[in-house]
Amino acid sequence: MLRSIIVDDESGAVEILSDYVNRNKELELVGTFRDSIEALTFLRKNEVDLIFLDIDMPDLDGMHFVELIQAKKILVVFCTAYSEYAVESYEKEAVDYLLKPITYERFCKAVDKALKTRSLTDKPKAKRSDTRKGKIKKLFVKSGSRIHQVNIREVLFIEKKGHYVVFHTTGKQLLSRMNMKELLQSLPSDNFIRVHRSFVVAMDKINTIEKQAVVIQAFRIPIGESYRDDFFKRIHTTGK
């Protein structure tokens, strides 16, 4: 079965597509989103095979959405009321392009195309990349009304401040509304470790380790008592 999500800002379209997905035995519906930014956040930490994606949406339209997820190799079926996007959709390597109103018969043809595409490119799950083990190279971080691409190798540490986190990188600071659970799920676990209830550090950026703190460049970051044992075990394991 293809793990599928629907991203469309129209509630009626979401309802129809949800019904179609649930009727098709080859699909599993794992999420519906009327906000494309929320869908992007979901994809950071969940494995999805197929997206039924509207094009004309506020904040982040379907074409730009696809550009942000290209590295994930997720199959995309565009669902739109506008035929003029057809050529551009195939340039984005979409599986299919469905014009609203969409019939169930036409929907199933798109699903068949997706299944054939996946059968040609799929690999055993044991060989799939584990994104928590250092495979992530870029993060897309929403800050205010903008989405920033962050090179994971440039992140020094991340600091929690209330309902926000601050990404401290080699070139700038970036404020994003995110909790620690979401943050840790989006980072490669082989290099990032939580050292305090308010701090996550990149282990390869640590300059000095003190009894109560780590030093990264000009920043002295405290080591919390409840995180101390795990941190020093990791340090010993990696030989840092």
Protein backbone atom coordinates (compact mmCIF):
# COMPACT_ATOMS: atom_id res chain seq x y z
CA MET A 1 0.00 0.00 0.00
CA LEU A 2 1.09 3.54 -0.72
CA ARG A 3 1.09 5.80 2.34
CA SER A 4 -0.74 8.87 1.07
CA ILE A 5 -1.58 12.41 2.13
CA ILE A 6 -3.88 15.06 0.66
CA VAL A 7 -2.86 18.72 0.55
CA ASP A 8 -5.63 21.06 -0.63
CA ASP A 9 -6.93 24.29 0.91
CA GLU A 10 -10.52 23.53 -0.18
CA SER A 11 -12.46 21.45 2.37
CA GLY A 12 -14.74 20.00 -0.33
CA ALA A 13 -11.79 18.74 -2.35
CA VAL A 14 -10.21 17.18 0.73
CA GLU A 15 -13.47 15.39 1.53
CA ILE A 16 -13.83 13.96 -1.99
CA LEU A 17 -10.20 12.86 -2.26
CA SER A 18 -10.31 11.33 1.23
CA ASP A 19 -13.28 9.24 0.16
CA TYR A 20 -11.46 8.14 -3.00
CA VAL A 21 -8.30 7.20 -1.10
CA ASN A 22 -10.24 5.22 1.51
CA ARG A 23 -12.09 3.32 -1.23
CA ASN A 24 -8.88 2.28 -2.98
CA LYS A 25 -7.30 -0.84 -1.46
CA GLU A 26 -3.84 0.15 -2.74
CA LEU A 27 -3.76 3.34 -0.64
CA GLU A 28 -3.48 4.20 3.05
CA LEU A 29 -4.51 7.71 4.07
CA VAL A 30 -2.10 8.99 6.74
CA GLY A 31 -2.97 12.69 6.72
CA THR A 32 -5.01 15.51 5.20
CA PHE A 33 -3.91 19.14 5.20
CA ARG A 34 -5.54 22.39 4.17
CA ASP A 35 -2.32 24.25 5.06
CA SER A 36 0.70 23.43 2.88
CA ILE A 37 3.14 24.56 5.60
CA GLU A 38 1.63 22.08 8.05
CA ALA A 39 1.98 19.36 5.41
CA LEU A 40 5.64 20.24 4.96
CA THR A 41 6.20 19.94 8.71
CA PHE A 42 4.48 16.52 8.70
CA LEU A 43 6.80 15.30 5.94
CA ARG A 44 9.87 16.17 8.00
CA LYS A 45 9.19 13.31 10.38
CA ASN A 46 6.86 10.91 8.57
CA GLU A 47 7.37 8.57 5.64
CA VAL A 48 4.94 9.19 2.79
CA ASP A 49 4.82 7.53 -0.63
CA LEU A 50 2.23 9.60 -2.49
CA ILE A 51 0.79 13.13 -2.29
CA PHE A 52 -2.44 14.35 -3.88
CA LEU A 53 -1.51 18.00 -4.17
CA ASP A 54 -3.45 21.13 -5.09
CA ILE A 55 -1.51 23.84 -6.94
CA ASP A 56 -3.24 27.13 -6.19
CA MET A 57 -2.79 27.50 -2.40
CA PRO A 58 -1.92 30.42 -0.11
CA ASP A 59 1.51 30.80 1.58
CA LEU A 60 3.12 27.95 -0.38
CA ASP A 61 1.70 26.82 -3.72
CA GLY A 62 1.92 23.29 -5.06
CA MET A 63 4.76 23.93 -7.52
CA HIS A 64 7.04 25.39 -4.87
CA PHE A 65 5.96 22.70 -2.41
CA VAL A 66 7.24 20.02 -4.79
CA GLU A 67 10.60 21.79 -5.09
CA LEU A 68 11.02 21.63 -1.31
CA ILE A 69 10.39 17.87 -1.11
CA GLN A 70 12.25 16.70 -4.23
CA ALA A 71 14.99 15.06 -2.19
CA LYS A 72 12.43 12.78 -0.52
CA LYS A 73 11.44 11.14 -3.83
CA ILE A 74 7.74 11.23 -3.00
CA LEU A 75 5.29 10.55 -5.82
CA VAL A 76 3.03 13.51 -6.61
CA VAL A 77 -0.37 13.67 -8.30
CA PHE A 78 -1.49 17.24 -8.91
CA CYS A 79 -5.20 17.93 -8.40
CA THR A 80 -6.31 21.32 -9.69
CA ALA A 81 -9.05 23.24 -11.46
CA TYR A 82 -6.56 24.95 -13.77
CA SER A 83 -5.37 23.23 -16.95
CA GLU A 84 -2.65 25.80 -17.65
CA TYR A 85 -0.34 24.21 -15.07
CA ALA A 86 -0.18 20.87 -16.91
CA VAL A 87 3.12 21.40 -18.72
CA GLU A 88 4.87 22.72 -15.63
CA SER A 89 3.55 19.81 -13.56
CA TYR A 90 5.25 17.26 -15.80
CA GLU A 91 8.44 19.29 -15.66
CA LYS A 92 8.24 18.67 -11.91
CA GLU A 93 8.05 14.93 -12.73
CA ALA A 94 4.53 14.54 -11.40
CA VAL A 95 2.98 11.09 -11.78
CA ASP A 96 -0.28 12.54 -13.07
CA TYR A 97 -2.33 15.72 -13.40
CA LEU A 98 -6.01 15.57 -12.45
CA LEU A 99 -8.45 18.30 -13.39
CA LYS A 100 -11.28 19.04 -10.97
CA PRO A 101 -13.97 17.82 -10.73
CA ILE A 102 -12.21 14.48 -10.48
CA THR A 103 -14.09 11.23 -11.07
CA TYR A 104 -13.20 8.11 -9.13
CA GLU A 105 -12.38 6.29 -12.37
CA ARG A 106 -9.85 8.94 -13.36
CA PHE A 107 -8.47 8.97 -9.82
CA CYS A 108 -7.85 5.21 -9.99
CA LYS A 109 -5.92 5.59 -13.23
CA ALA A 110 -3.61 8.04 -11.49
CA VAL A 111 -3.14 5.56 -8.65
CA ASP A 112 -2.23 2.83 -11.15
CA LYS A 113 0.41 5.13 -12.64
CA ALA A 114 1.81 5.77 -9.18
CA LEU A 115 1.97 2.05 -8.40
CA LYS A 116 3.79 1.32 -11.67
CA THR A 117 6.24 4.15 -11.01
CA ARG A 118 6.91 2.90 -7.49
CA SER A 119 7.42 -0.68 -8.67
CA LEU A 120 10.20 0.53 -10.98
CA THR A 121 12.00 2.60 -8.36
CA ASP A 122 11.22 0.96 -5.01
CA LYS A 123 13.94 -0.73 -3.02
CA PRO A 124 13.72 -3.07 -0.04
CA LYS A 125 12.96 -1.16 3.14
CA ALA A 126 16.14 -2.48 4.72
CA LYS A 127 18.12 -0.49 2.17
CA ARG A 128 16.20 2.76 2.54
CA SER A 129 18.06 5.70 4.00
CA ASP A 130 17.57 6.29 7.69
CA THR A 131 17.10 10.04 7.90
CA ARG A 132 17.91 9.99 11.61
CA LYS A 133 21.39 8.57 10.88
CA GLY A 134 23.08 11.51 9.24
CA LYS A 135 21.47 11.37 5.80
CA ILE A 136 19.79 14.76 6.19
CA LYS A 137 21.80 17.54 4.57
CA LYS A 138 19.19 20.30 4.45
CA LEU A 139 16.36 21.42 6.70
CA PHE A 140 13.47 23.64 5.68
CA VAL A 141 12.67 25.88 8.62
CA LYS A 142 9.61 28.13 8.77
CA SER A 143 10.37 31.49 10.38
CA GLY A 144 7.51 33.97 10.34
CA SER A 145 5.95 33.93 6.89
CA ARG A 146 9.09 32.59 5.17
CA ILE A 147 10.66 29.15 4.79
CA HIS A 148 14.45 29.05 5.00
CA GLN A 149 16.73 26.29 3.76
CA VAL A 150 19.33 25.49 6.40
CA ASN A 151 22.49 23.49 5.70
CA ILE A 152 22.63 20.97 8.55
CA ARG A 153 26.45 21.12 8.55
CA GLU A 154 26.32 24.82 9.45
CA VAL A 155 24.21 24.37 12.59
CA LEU A 156 26.22 24.93 15.78
CA PHE A 157 23.44 24.41 18.32
CA ILE A 158 19.73 25.01 18.84
CA GLU A 159 18.29 26.86 21.80
CA LYS A 160 14.71 26.62 23.12
CA LYS A 161 13.08 29.94 24.06
CA GLY A 162 9.48 29.60 25.17
CA HIS A 163 7.36 28.27 22.29
CA TYR A 164 10.21 28.90 19.84
CA VAL A 165 13.64 27.49 19.04
CA VAL A 166 16.62 29.46 17.79
CA PHE A 167 18.92 27.83 15.22
CA HIS A 168 22.45 29.16 15.79
CA THR A 169 24.43 28.61 12.59
CA THR A 170 27.81 29.74 11.34
CA GLY A 171 26.21 32.65 9.50
CA LYS A 172 23.03 33.66 11.32
CA GLN A 173 20.36 32.96 13.90
CA LEU A 174 16.93 31.72 12.84
CA LEU A 175 13.81 31.78 15.03
CA SER A 176 11.15 29.14 14.43
CA ARG A 177 7.98 28.08 16.27
CA MET A 178 8.74 24.46 17.07
CA ASN A 179 8.86 22.24 20.14
CA MET A 180 11.80 20.10 21.20
CA LYS A 181 10.14 16.83 20.18
CA GLU A 182 9.62 18.06 16.62
CA LEU A 183 13.15 19.43 16.55
CA LEU A 184 14.82 16.20 17.66
CA GLN A 185 12.83 14.15 15.16
CA SER A 186 14.02 16.37 12.31
CA LEU A 187 17.75 16.17 13.17
CA PRO A 188 20.22 13.36 12.36
CA SER A 189 20.73 11.56 15.67
CA ASP A 190 24.35 10.55 15.03
CA ASN A 191 25.63 14.14 15.43
CA PHE A 192 23.04 16.08 17.43
CA ILE A 193 22.46 15.51 21.14
CA ARG A 194 20.40 17.22 23.79
CA VAL A 195 22.64 18.46 26.63
CA HIS A 196 20.07 20.54 28.50
CA ARG A 197 16.29 20.98 28.55
CA SER A 198 16.87 24.11 26.44
CA PHE A 199 19.83 23.14 24.26
CA VAL A 200 20.70 20.67 21.49
CA VAL A 201 24.27 20.77 20.19
CA ALA A 202 26.12 19.53 17.10
CA MET A 203 28.80 17.24 18.50
CA ASP A 204 31.25 17.93 15.69
CA LYS A 205 31.12 21.67 16.48
CA ILE A 206 32.16 21.29 20.14
CA ASN A 207 35.51 22.96 20.86
CA THR A 208 35.86 22.21 24.57
CA ILE A 209 34.03 20.10 27.14
CA GLU A 210 33.93 21.28 30.73
CA LYS A 211 32.37 19.59 33.75
CA GLN A 212 29.24 21.73 33.60
CA ALA A 213 29.24 22.98 30.02
CA VAL A 214 30.36 22.60 26.42
CA VAL A 215 31.97 25.41 24.47
CA ILE A 216 31.16 26.01 20.82
CA GLN A 217 32.98 28.99 19.37
CA ALA A 218 32.18 31.88 21.72
CA PHE A 219 29.15 30.16 23.28
CA ARG A 220 29.24 28.35 26.64
CA ILE A 221 26.29 25.93 26.76
CA PRO A 222 25.28 24.32 30.07
CA ILE A 223 25.03 20.56 30.50
CA GLY A 224 21.87 19.66 32.41
CA GLU A 225 22.13 17.15 35.25
CA SER A 226 19.56 14.78 33.71
CA TYR A 227 21.39 14.78 30.35
CA ARG A 228 24.95 14.46 31.70
CA ASP A 229 25.32 10.65 31.73
CA ASP A 230 23.97 10.16 28.22
CA PHE A 231 26.13 12.96 26.87
CA PHE A 232 29.38 11.63 28.34
CA LYS A 233 28.56 8.11 27.17
CA ARG A 234 28.18 9.48 23.64
CA ILE A 235 31.43 11.38 23.93
CA HIS A 236 33.24 8.26 25.09
CA THR A 237 31.70 6.16 22.33
CA THR A 238 32.74 8.54 19.57
CA GLY A 239 36.14 9.25 21.06
CA LYS A 240 35.57 13.00 21.08
